[in-house]
C-alpha cells in the first residue's frame, strides 16, 4: 500500500472569509457546506481504516482486499481492533486505538442518520427524522442538532486521521506543525446526541 494519505488534513480549517460568505449566502447554505465537508472528511477516514488494516494484517494486498473490499466500515474496524489487540502493542497503545474506534462508531451513527433520514434545516437548527421510514409511530425518532455539532464531528475526524497516521508512523509526530500537533492532542469534541422519541408511550413506573 502507498504511504499515508495526504488527505488526512481535509476539513482542518475554514477561513473566516469563507464563513462570512456562507453566512451571507442564506440560512441553510452553511449547513450544506459543512455537511459536504463532513462527508468528504468521513470518506478520508474510511480510507485511513483500510490503510491501517493493510499495514498490520501481514496479508498480500490482493488477499487483504478480498477480506475488506466493499465491506461496511463496522466490519473493517472490528478486524482492525483484532489486529491491534493481538499484535505487539503496549496496553496504552491498545487503549488509545480503542478510543479512536469508539469515536468512529459514535460519528458513524451521526452519519447514518444524516444520510438515511430526512433533514429539515431552520437557520441553526437541524432536525433529522425517520418519520417517513419508521416501522411504526412509536419507532419515530427526531435528532435535533446544529451546525456546531457537525463542525465538532469534522474536527474529530481530522484528529482521528492524524492519530491513525501517527500510530502507523510515530516519527511523523515530530514533523507536524503546531496547529496539527494541537489537533492531534485535542479531546473529542462531538458527543452522541440521543434522539427524541415523540410518539413512544411514557414508561410506567414499577409498582
Foldseek 3Di string as FASTA:
>chain_A
DDAADPCLCQLVDDDPVVVVVQVVPDQCSLVVVLVVSLVVLLVSLLVLLLVLCVLQVPDDPVVSCVVPPPHDSVVSLVSSLVSVVPDPDDPVLSVVSVVLVVLNVQVVVVVCQPVPFDWDGDRFKIWGWNVPPDPDLQRIWIFIDGSVLSSLSSLSSSLSSLLSNCSSPVVVLVVDDPSSVCSVPDDRDHDHTGTDRVPHDDDDDDD
